Amino acid sequence: MGNQVQYLTRREAADHLKSQGLPIAATTLAKLVTVGGGPQFRKFGRNALYTTTDLDAWAAARLGAARTNSSQRAA
């Protein structure tokens, strides 16, 4: 049946990011739906749904460059 997109609930989306070592709460994702700046999502009724592709792209864009100390400027 080809590649079928699987949608994640907000809690599942947070768990997906946490499984990659990225600290984020489902409540933070909820806030970002309102104020902006979060990962792309789709609405299904009242629920925001996410894809792993969108979550991973958002996390990669937010992740800073590797540094050797805290005073080093971002590249």
Protein backbone atom coordinates (compact mmCIF):
# COMPACT_ATOMS: atom_id res chain seq x y z
CA MET A 1 0.00 0.00 0.00
CA GLY A 2 2.98 2.39 -0.32
CA ASN A 3 4.18 4.87 2.24
CA GLN A 4 1.32 5.72 4.54
CA VAL A 5 1.71 8.79 6.73
CA GLN A 6 1.14 8.18 10.42
CA TYR A 7 -0.05 11.10 12.51
CA LEU A 8 0.99 11.54 16.12
CA THR A 9 -1.00 13.16 18.90
CA ARG A 10 0.63 15.93 20.88
CA ARG A 11 1.68 13.52 23.63
CA GLU A 12 3.08 11.04 21.06
CA ALA A 13 4.91 13.90 19.34
CA ALA A 14 6.55 14.92 22.62
CA ASP A 15 7.48 11.29 23.30
CA HIS A 16 9.01 11.02 19.81
CA LEU A 17 11.22 14.06 20.44
CA LYS A 18 12.11 12.86 23.96
CA SER A 19 13.17 9.48 22.56
CA GLN A 20 15.82 11.39 20.60
CA GLY A 21 17.06 13.09 23.77
CA LEU A 22 15.26 16.39 23.14
CA PRO A 23 13.53 17.72 26.26
CA ILE A 24 10.04 18.96 25.40
CA ALA A 25 6.64 18.59 27.01
CA ALA A 26 3.30 18.09 25.32
CA THR A 27 2.17 21.31 27.03
CA THR A 28 4.98 23.20 25.31
CA LEU A 29 3.82 21.90 21.93
CA ALA A 30 0.29 23.03 22.84
CA LYS A 31 1.53 26.53 23.62
CA LEU A 32 3.50 26.68 20.37
CA VAL A 33 0.34 25.86 18.41
CA THR A 34 -1.13 29.06 19.86
CA VAL A 35 1.83 31.45 19.78
CA GLY A 36 3.72 29.99 16.81
CA GLY A 37 7.26 28.75 16.44
CA GLY A 38 6.47 25.07 16.80
CA PRO A 39 6.58 22.21 14.33
CA GLN A 40 4.10 22.08 11.47
CA PHE A 41 0.88 20.32 12.38
CA ARG A 42 -2.45 19.40 10.87
CA LYS A 43 -5.84 19.85 12.49
CA PHE A 44 -8.27 16.97 12.78
CA GLY A 45 -11.30 18.36 14.52
CA ARG A 46 -9.96 20.06 17.63
CA ASN A 47 -6.74 18.04 17.70
CA ALA A 48 -3.30 19.01 16.40
CA LEU A 49 -1.56 16.09 14.70
CA TYR A 50 2.11 15.84 13.77
CA THR A 51 4.25 13.73 11.46
CA THR A 52 7.69 12.49 12.44
CA THR A 53 9.11 14.20 9.34
CA ASP A 54 7.80 17.60 10.48
CA LEU A 55 8.93 17.02 14.07
CA ASP A 56 12.43 15.98 13.01
CA ALA A 57 12.79 18.96 10.64
CA TRP A 58 11.66 21.38 13.35
CA ALA A 59 14.04 19.90 15.92
CA ALA A 60 16.97 19.97 13.49
CA ALA A 61 16.32 23.64 12.71
CA ARG A 62 16.28 24.51 16.44
CA LEU A 63 19.31 22.45 17.39
CA GLY A 64 22.42 24.61 17.76
CA ALA A 65 25.85 23.84 16.41
CA ALA A 66 28.33 21.82 18.46
CA ARG A 67 30.43 23.93 20.83
CA THR A 68 33.45 23.34 22.99
CA ASN A 69 32.47 25.82 25.73
CA SER A 70 29.53 27.97 26.78
CA SER A 71 31.16 31.28 25.73
CA GLN A 72 31.66 30.17 22.16
CA ARG A 73 29.41 31.93 19.66
CA ALA A 74 27.13 29.92 17.44
CA ALA A 75 28.54 29.25 13.98
